[in-house]
Amino acid sequence: MQLKPLHWGILLLVLATAVLHLAAAFDRILFPESPDPLFILNGLGYLGLLGAYFLPIPFFQQRHQLVRWALFGYAIITIVAWVVIWVGINVIANGVPFFSHDSVYGVPAKIIELVLLVLLWRDKPSASKTKPRKARKTR
């Protein structure tokens, strides 16, 4: 796969959100007892999907659109989980200030993930790649 600027954007955004989730997992202010396994898994999930999206592994390249949709869905699930857990439970229900230490990771990660969704949406295959052409009848 030849990387276009769009692909470089996807690559950098996925790396950035993975790093933010892993950094949050090991933040002693957020998780003083031990690293948070959900943030670790989220960061590793992004890295795994990034590998499936770009590495020249035939199994994944043959299913590239499925991997694209999986990464798209993963970002959506991550955003929804943040809205429910952080905004809904912590900010609204428990009265934690929105721009507290948690937002150092959460807000930039969500912005990155929203931009990532746009780039993934734009990385749709062209019509000529998705539908086989019918042979023209010759007389």
N, C-alpha and C. Protein backbone atom coordinates (compact mmCIF):
# COMPACT_ATOMS: atom_id res chain seq x y z
N MET A 1 0.85 -1.18 0.00
CA MET A 1 0.00 0.00 0.00
C MET A 1 0.89 1.25 0.00
N GLN A 2 0.68 2.07 -0.96
CA GLN A 2 1.39 3.34 -1.04
C GLN A 2 0.70 4.34 -0.11
N LEU A 3 1.46 4.91 0.83
CA LEU A 3 0.85 5.83 1.78
C LEU A 3 0.65 7.21 1.17
N LYS A 4 -0.58 7.67 1.23
CA LYS A 4 -0.95 9.00 0.78
C LYS A 4 -0.99 9.91 2.01
N PRO A 5 -1.08 11.22 1.82
CA PRO A 5 -1.20 12.11 2.98
C PRO A 5 -2.36 11.73 3.91
N LEU A 6 -3.46 11.28 3.36
CA LEU A 6 -4.59 10.83 4.16
C LEU A 6 -4.18 9.67 5.08
N HIS A 7 -3.41 8.74 4.54
CA HIS A 7 -2.95 7.59 5.32
C HIS A 7 -1.98 8.01 6.41
N TRP A 8 -1.11 8.95 6.10
CA TRP A 8 -0.19 9.45 7.13
C TRP A 8 -0.98 10.11 8.26
N GLY A 9 -2.05 10.81 7.91
CA GLY A 9 -2.89 11.41 8.94
C GLY A 9 -3.53 10.36 9.83
N ILE A 10 -4.07 9.31 9.22
CA ILE A 10 -4.67 8.21 9.99
C ILE A 10 -3.63 7.58 10.90
N LEU A 11 -2.47 7.32 10.34
CA LEU A 11 -1.37 6.69 11.10
C LEU A 11 -1.00 7.53 12.32
N LEU A 12 -0.79 8.82 12.12
CA LEU A 12 -0.37 9.69 13.22
C LEU A 12 -1.47 9.88 14.25
N LEU A 13 -2.71 9.99 13.80
CA LEU A 13 -3.81 10.18 14.75
C LEU A 13 -4.05 8.93 15.60
N VAL A 14 -3.95 7.75 15.00
CA VAL A 14 -4.13 6.52 15.78
C VAL A 14 -2.98 6.37 16.77
N LEU A 15 -1.76 6.66 16.34
CA LEU A 15 -0.63 6.61 17.28
C LEU A 15 -0.82 7.60 18.43
N ALA A 16 -1.29 8.79 18.12
CA ALA A 16 -1.48 9.82 19.15
C ALA A 16 -2.54 9.39 20.16
N THR A 17 -3.67 8.87 19.70
CA THR A 17 -4.71 8.48 20.65
C THR A 17 -4.29 7.25 21.44
N ALA A 18 -3.54 6.34 20.83
CA ALA A 18 -3.03 5.18 21.56
C ALA A 18 -2.08 5.62 22.67
N VAL A 19 -1.18 6.55 22.35
CA VAL A 19 -0.24 7.06 23.35
C VAL A 19 -0.98 7.77 24.48
N LEU A 20 -1.99 8.56 24.15
CA LEU A 20 -2.77 9.24 25.19
C LEU A 20 -3.46 8.24 26.12
N HIS A 21 -4.04 7.18 25.56
CA HIS A 21 -4.70 6.19 26.41
C HIS A 21 -3.69 5.43 27.27
N LEU A 22 -2.56 5.09 26.71
CA LEU A 22 -1.53 4.40 27.50
C LEU A 22 -0.95 5.32 28.57
N ALA A 23 -0.74 6.59 28.24
CA ALA A 23 -0.24 7.54 29.23
C ALA A 23 -1.24 7.72 30.37
N ALA A 24 -2.51 7.80 30.04
CA ALA A 24 -3.55 7.92 31.07
C ALA A 24 -3.57 6.68 31.96
N ALA A 25 -3.38 5.52 31.37
CA ALA A 25 -3.40 4.27 32.13
C ALA A 25 -2.33 4.24 33.21
N PHE A 26 -1.18 4.84 32.93
CA PHE A 26 -0.06 4.80 33.86
C PHE A 26 0.10 6.08 34.68
N ASP A 27 -0.87 6.98 34.59
CA ASP A 27 -0.83 8.23 35.34
C ASP A 27 -1.16 7.93 36.80
N ARG A 28 -0.22 8.23 37.69
CA ARG A 28 -0.38 7.91 39.12
C ARG A 28 -1.40 8.82 39.80
N ILE A 29 -1.70 9.97 39.21
CA ILE A 29 -2.73 10.83 39.79
C ILE A 29 -4.11 10.24 39.50
N LEU A 30 -4.31 9.75 38.29
CA LEU A 30 -5.60 9.15 37.93
C LEU A 30 -5.78 7.77 38.56
N PHE A 31 -4.73 6.98 38.54
CA PHE A 31 -4.80 5.60 39.04
C PHE A 31 -3.64 5.35 40.00
N PRO A 32 -3.78 5.80 41.26
CA PRO A 32 -2.67 5.69 42.21
C PRO A 32 -2.32 4.26 42.60
N GLU A 33 -3.28 3.36 42.55
CA GLU A 33 -3.04 1.98 42.98
C GLU A 33 -2.21 1.20 41.96
N SER A 34 -2.68 1.21 40.72
CA SER A 34 -2.01 0.46 39.66
C SER A 34 -2.52 0.98 38.32
N PRO A 35 -1.82 0.67 37.26
CA PRO A 35 -2.28 1.10 35.93
C PRO A 35 -3.68 0.56 35.64
N ASP A 36 -4.46 1.33 34.91
CA ASP A 36 -5.82 0.95 34.59
C ASP A 36 -5.85 0.01 33.39
N PRO A 37 -6.38 -1.20 33.56
CA PRO A 37 -6.37 -2.17 32.46
C PRO A 37 -7.24 -1.75 31.26
N LEU A 38 -8.32 -1.03 31.49
CA LEU A 38 -9.16 -0.63 30.35
C LEU A 38 -8.45 0.37 29.44
N PHE A 39 -7.72 1.30 30.05
CA PHE A 39 -6.97 2.25 29.23
C PHE A 39 -5.82 1.56 28.50
N ILE A 40 -5.18 0.60 29.17
CA ILE A 40 -4.11 -0.17 28.51
C ILE A 40 -4.68 -0.93 27.32
N LEU A 41 -5.80 -1.62 27.54
CA LEU A 41 -6.41 -2.38 26.45
C LEU A 41 -6.88 -1.48 25.32
N ASN A 42 -7.40 -0.29 25.67
CA ASN A 42 -7.85 0.62 24.63
C ASN A 42 -6.67 1.07 23.78
N GLY A 43 -5.57 1.45 24.42
CA GLY A 43 -4.38 1.86 23.67
C GLY A 43 -3.82 0.74 22.81
N LEU A 44 -3.76 -0.46 23.37
CA LEU A 44 -3.25 -1.61 22.61
C LEU A 44 -4.21 -1.98 21.48
N GLY A 45 -5.50 -1.82 21.71
CA GLY A 45 -6.48 -2.08 20.65
C GLY A 45 -6.28 -1.16 19.46
N TYR A 46 -6.04 0.12 19.75
CA TYR A 46 -5.76 1.06 18.66
C TYR A 46 -4.50 0.64 17.90
N LEU A 47 -3.46 0.24 18.63
CA LEU A 47 -2.22 -0.16 17.96
C LEU A 47 -2.42 -1.42 17.12
N GLY A 48 -3.20 -2.38 17.63
CA GLY A 48 -3.48 -3.60 16.88
C GLY A 48 -4.26 -3.31 15.60
N LEU A 49 -5.28 -2.46 15.71
CA LEU A 49 -6.06 -2.10 14.52
C LEU A 49 -5.22 -1.30 13.53
N LEU A 50 -4.32 -0.47 14.04
CA LEU A 50 -3.42 0.27 13.16
C LEU A 50 -2.54 -0.69 12.36
N GLY A 51 -2.01 -1.70 13.04
CA GLY A 51 -1.22 -2.72 12.35
C GLY A 51 -2.03 -3.46 11.30
N ALA A 52 -3.26 -3.82 11.66
CA ALA A 52 -4.12 -4.52 10.71
C ALA A 52 -4.46 -3.64 9.51
N TYR A 53 -4.52 -2.34 9.73
CA TYR A 53 -4.89 -1.39 8.67
C TYR A 53 -3.75 -1.18 7.67
N PHE A 54 -2.51 -1.14 8.17
CA PHE A 54 -1.40 -0.73 7.31
C PHE A 54 -0.36 -1.82 7.00
N LEU A 55 -0.18 -2.79 7.88
CA LEU A 55 0.88 -3.77 7.64
C LEU A 55 0.52 -4.68 6.47
N PRO A 56 1.52 -5.10 5.71
CA PRO A 56 1.25 -5.93 4.53
C PRO A 56 0.99 -7.39 4.90
N ILE A 57 -0.03 -7.60 5.71
CA ILE A 57 -0.42 -8.95 6.10
C ILE A 57 -1.60 -9.33 5.20
N PRO A 58 -1.43 -10.35 4.35
CA PRO A 58 -2.46 -10.67 3.37
C PRO A 58 -3.86 -10.85 3.97
N PHE A 59 -3.95 -11.52 5.11
CA PHE A 59 -5.26 -11.75 5.72
C PHE A 59 -6.01 -10.43 5.95
N PHE A 60 -5.30 -9.43 6.47
CA PHE A 60 -5.94 -8.14 6.76
C PHE A 60 -6.10 -7.29 5.50
N GLN A 61 -5.14 -7.36 4.59
CA GLN A 61 -5.24 -6.56 3.37
C GLN A 61 -6.39 -7.03 2.49
N GLN A 62 -6.68 -8.32 2.52
CA GLN A 62 -7.82 -8.83 1.76
C GLN A 62 -9.15 -8.39 2.39
N ARG A 63 -9.09 -8.04 3.64
CA ARG A 63 -10.29 -7.59 4.36
C ARG A 63 -10.12 -6.14 4.82
N HIS A 64 -9.48 -5.35 3.98
CA HIS A 64 -9.12 -3.98 4.37
C HIS A 64 -10.34 -3.15 4.76
N GLN A 65 -11.43 -3.27 4.02
CA GLN A 65 -12.61 -2.48 4.36
C GLN A 65 -13.22 -2.91 5.68
N LEU A 66 -13.15 -4.18 5.99
CA LEU A 66 -13.63 -4.66 7.29
C LEU A 66 -12.77 -4.08 8.42
N VAL A 67 -11.46 -4.06 8.21
CA VAL A 67 -10.56 -3.46 9.20
C VAL A 67 -10.85 -1.97 9.33
N ARG A 68 -11.10 -1.32 8.21
CA ARG A 68 -11.43 0.12 8.24
C ARG A 68 -12.67 0.36 9.08
N TRP A 69 -13.70 -0.44 8.86
CA TRP A 69 -14.94 -0.29 9.63
C TRP A 69 -14.73 -0.65 11.10
N ALA A 70 -13.87 -1.63 11.37
CA ALA A 70 -13.57 -1.99 12.76
C ALA A 70 -12.89 -0.82 13.48
N LEU A 71 -11.94 -0.19 12.82
CA LEU A 71 -11.26 0.97 13.42
C LEU A 71 -12.23 2.13 13.59
N PHE A 72 -13.10 2.33 12.63
CA PHE A 72 -14.13 3.37 12.70
C PHE A 72 -15.04 3.11 13.90
N GLY A 73 -15.52 1.88 14.03
CA GLY A 73 -16.39 1.51 15.15
C GLY A 73 -15.69 1.60 16.48
N TYR A 74 -14.43 1.22 16.52
CA TYR A 74 -13.64 1.28 17.75
C TYR A 74 -13.53 2.71 18.24
N ALA A 75 -13.29 3.64 17.34
CA ALA A 75 -13.21 5.05 17.72
C ALA A 75 -14.57 5.56 18.23
N ILE A 76 -15.64 5.15 17.58
CA ILE A 76 -16.97 5.57 18.02
C ILE A 76 -17.27 5.01 19.41
N ILE A 77 -16.98 3.74 19.63
CA ILE A 77 -17.22 3.13 20.94
C ILE A 77 -16.40 3.83 22.02
N THR A 78 -15.16 4.19 21.69
CA THR A 78 -14.31 4.89 22.65
C THR A 78 -14.88 6.26 22.99
N ILE A 79 -15.38 6.97 22.00
CA ILE A 79 -15.98 8.29 22.24
C ILE A 79 -17.24 8.15 23.09
N VAL A 80 -18.10 7.21 22.74
CA VAL A 80 -19.34 7.01 23.50
C VAL A 80 -19.03 6.61 24.94
N ALA A 81 -18.07 5.72 25.13
CA ALA A 81 -17.70 5.30 26.49
C ALA A 81 -17.20 6.49 27.31
N TRP A 82 -16.41 7.37 26.68
CA TRP A 82 -15.92 8.56 27.38
C TRP A 82 -17.07 9.48 27.76
N VAL A 83 -18.01 9.68 26.86
CA VAL A 83 -19.16 10.54 27.15
C VAL A 83 -19.97 9.96 28.31
N VAL A 84 -20.22 8.66 28.28
CA VAL A 84 -21.02 8.04 29.34
C VAL A 84 -20.27 8.04 30.67
N ILE A 85 -19.02 7.56 30.66
CA ILE A 85 -18.28 7.40 31.92
C ILE A 85 -17.78 8.74 32.46
N TRP A 86 -17.11 9.51 31.62
CA TRP A 86 -16.54 10.75 32.12
C TRP A 86 -17.58 11.85 32.27
N VAL A 87 -18.24 12.15 31.19
CA VAL A 87 -19.20 13.26 31.22
C VAL A 87 -20.44 12.88 32.03
N GLY A 88 -21.05 11.75 31.70
CA GLY A 88 -22.29 11.36 32.36
C GLY A 88 -22.14 11.05 33.83
N ILE A 89 -21.24 10.13 34.15
CA ILE A 89 -21.12 9.68 35.53
C ILE A 89 -20.30 10.65 36.38
N ASN A 90 -19.10 11.00 35.91
CA ASN A 90 -18.22 11.81 36.75
C ASN A 90 -18.61 13.28 36.79
N VAL A 91 -18.79 13.88 35.64
CA VAL A 91 -19.06 15.33 35.60
C VAL A 91 -20.49 15.63 36.02
N ILE A 92 -21.46 15.01 35.37
CA ILE A 92 -22.86 15.35 35.64
C ILE A 92 -23.34 14.75 36.97
N ALA A 93 -23.16 13.45 37.15
CA ALA A 93 -23.70 12.80 38.34
C ALA A 93 -22.89 13.10 39.61
N ASN A 94 -21.57 13.11 39.50
CA ASN A 94 -20.73 13.28 40.69
C ASN A 94 -20.18 14.68 40.87
N GLY A 95 -20.42 15.56 39.93
CA GLY A 95 -20.00 16.95 40.08
C GLY A 95 -18.51 17.22 39.94
N VAL A 96 -17.78 16.32 39.30
CA VAL A 96 -16.35 16.55 39.07
C VAL A 96 -16.21 17.63 38.00
N PRO A 97 -15.35 18.62 38.21
CA PRO A 97 -15.17 19.66 37.18
C PRO A 97 -14.72 19.03 35.85
N PHE A 98 -15.31 19.49 34.77
CA PHE A 98 -15.01 18.92 33.45
C PHE A 98 -13.53 19.04 33.12
N PHE A 99 -12.95 20.21 33.37
CA PHE A 99 -11.54 20.41 33.05
C PHE A 99 -10.66 20.13 34.24
N SER A 100 -10.75 18.91 34.74
CA SER A 100 -9.86 18.47 35.81
C SER A 100 -8.72 17.67 35.17
N HIS A 101 -7.93 17.00 35.98
CA HIS A 101 -6.76 16.29 35.47
C HIS A 101 -7.12 15.23 34.42
N ASP A 102 -8.27 14.61 34.55
CA ASP A 102 -8.70 13.58 33.59
C ASP A 102 -8.81 14.14 32.18
N SER A 103 -9.18 15.41 32.07
CA SER A 103 -9.37 16.03 30.75
C SER A 103 -8.07 16.27 30.01
N VAL A 104 -6.95 16.20 30.72
CA VAL A 104 -5.65 16.36 30.06
C VAL A 104 -5.48 15.29 28.99
N TYR A 105 -6.03 14.12 29.23
CA TYR A 105 -5.96 13.02 28.26
C TYR A 105 -7.24 12.91 27.44
N GLY A 106 -8.37 13.02 28.10
CA GLY A 106 -9.65 12.74 27.46
C GLY A 106 -10.03 13.70 26.34
N VAL A 107 -9.92 14.99 26.60
CA VAL A 107 -10.34 15.97 25.59
C VAL A 107 -9.48 15.90 24.33
N PRO A 108 -8.14 15.92 24.45
CA PRO A 108 -7.34 15.79 23.22
C PRO A 108 -7.59 14.46 22.49
N ALA A 109 -7.76 13.38 23.25
CA ALA A 109 -8.00 12.07 22.61
C ALA A 109 -9.32 12.09 21.84
N LYS A 110 -10.34 12.71 22.39
CA LYS A 110 -11.64 12.74 21.69
C LYS A 110 -11.57 13.63 20.45
N ILE A 111 -10.86 14.72 20.53
CA ILE A 111 -10.69 15.57 19.34
C ILE A 111 -9.95 14.79 18.25
N ILE A 112 -8.89 14.11 18.65
CA ILE A 112 -8.12 13.28 17.70
C ILE A 112 -9.01 12.22 17.09
N GLU A 113 -9.83 11.56 17.92
CA GLU A 113 -10.69 10.49 17.42
C GLU A 113 -11.77 11.02 16.47
N LEU A 114 -12.27 12.20 16.72
CA LEU A 114 -13.25 12.79 15.80
C LEU A 114 -12.61 13.09 14.44
N VAL A 115 -11.40 13.64 14.45
CA VAL A 115 -10.69 13.89 13.19
C VAL A 115 -10.37 12.57 12.51
N LEU A 116 -9.99 11.57 13.30
CA LEU A 116 -9.72 10.23 12.76
C LEU A 116 -10.94 9.67 12.04
N LEU A 117 -12.12 9.85 12.61
CA LEU A 117 -13.35 9.38 11.96
C LEU A 117 -13.54 10.03 10.60
N VAL A 118 -13.25 11.31 10.52
CA VAL A 118 -13.38 12.02 9.24
C VAL A 118 -12.40 11.43 8.22
N LEU A 119 -11.15 11.22 8.63
CA LEU A 119 -10.15 10.68 7.70
C LEU A 119 -10.49 9.25 7.28
N LEU A 120 -10.96 8.45 8.22
CA LEU A 120 -11.36 7.08 7.86
C LEU A 120 -12.54 7.09 6.89
N TRP A 121 -13.46 8.01 7.11
CA TRP A 121 -14.61 8.13 6.21
C TRP A 121 -14.15 8.50 4.80
N ARG A 122 -13.16 9.37 4.73
CA ARG A 122 -12.64 9.81 3.42
C ARG A 122 -11.78 8.76 2.75
N ASP A 123 -11.34 7.75 3.49
CA ASP A 123 -10.48 6.71 2.94
C ASP A 123 -11.29 5.56 2.33
N LYS A 124 -12.49 5.89 1.88
CA LYS A 124 -13.31 4.89 1.21
C LYS A 124 -12.66 4.53 -0.13
N PRO A 125 -12.83 3.27 -0.53
CA PRO A 125 -12.28 2.90 -1.84
C PRO A 125 -13.07 3.59 -2.95
N SER A 126 -12.40 3.81 -4.04
CA SER A 126 -13.10 4.42 -5.18
C SER A 126 -14.07 3.42 -5.78
N ALA A 127 -15.02 3.91 -6.52
CA ALA A 127 -16.05 3.05 -7.10
C ALA A 127 -15.44 1.98 -8.01
N SER A 128 -14.35 2.32 -8.69
CA SER A 128 -13.74 1.35 -9.60
C SER A 128 -13.11 0.19 -8.84
N LYS A 129 -12.75 0.39 -7.56
CA LYS A 129 -12.14 -0.67 -6.78
C LYS A 129 -13.18 -1.55 -6.10
N THR A 130 -14.36 -1.02 -5.85
CA THR A 130 -15.35 -1.77 -5.09
C THR A 130 -16.27 -2.61 -5.97
N LYS A 131 -16.57 -2.16 -7.15
CA LYS A 131 -17.48 -2.89 -8.02
C LYS A 131 -16.72 -3.37 -9.25
N PRO A 132 -16.81 -4.68 -9.50
CA PRO A 132 -16.14 -5.16 -10.71
C PRO A 132 -16.87 -4.63 -11.94
N ARG A 133 -16.10 -4.29 -12.93
CA ARG A 133 -16.68 -3.78 -14.17
C ARG A 133 -17.25 -4.93 -14.96
N LYS A 134 -18.38 -4.67 -15.58
CA LYS A 134 -18.97 -5.67 -16.45
C LYS A 134 -18.30 -5.57 -17.81
N ALA A 135 -18.09 -6.73 -18.39
CA ALA A 135 -17.48 -6.74 -19.71
C ALA A 135 -18.47 -6.18 -20.72
N ARG A 136 -17.95 -5.35 -21.61
CA ARG A 136 -18.81 -4.76 -22.65
C ARG A 136 -18.99 -5.78 -23.75
N LYS A 137 -20.21 -5.83 -24.22
CA LYS A 137 -20.49 -6.73 -25.33
C LYS A 137 -19.97 -6.13 -26.62
N THR A 138 -19.33 -6.95 -27.38
CA THR A 138 -18.86 -6.51 -28.69
C THR A 138 -19.65 -7.24 -29.75
N ARG A 139 -19.88 -6.59 -30.84
CA ARG A 139 -20.66 -7.21 -31.93
C ARG A 139 -19.77 -7.58 -33.05
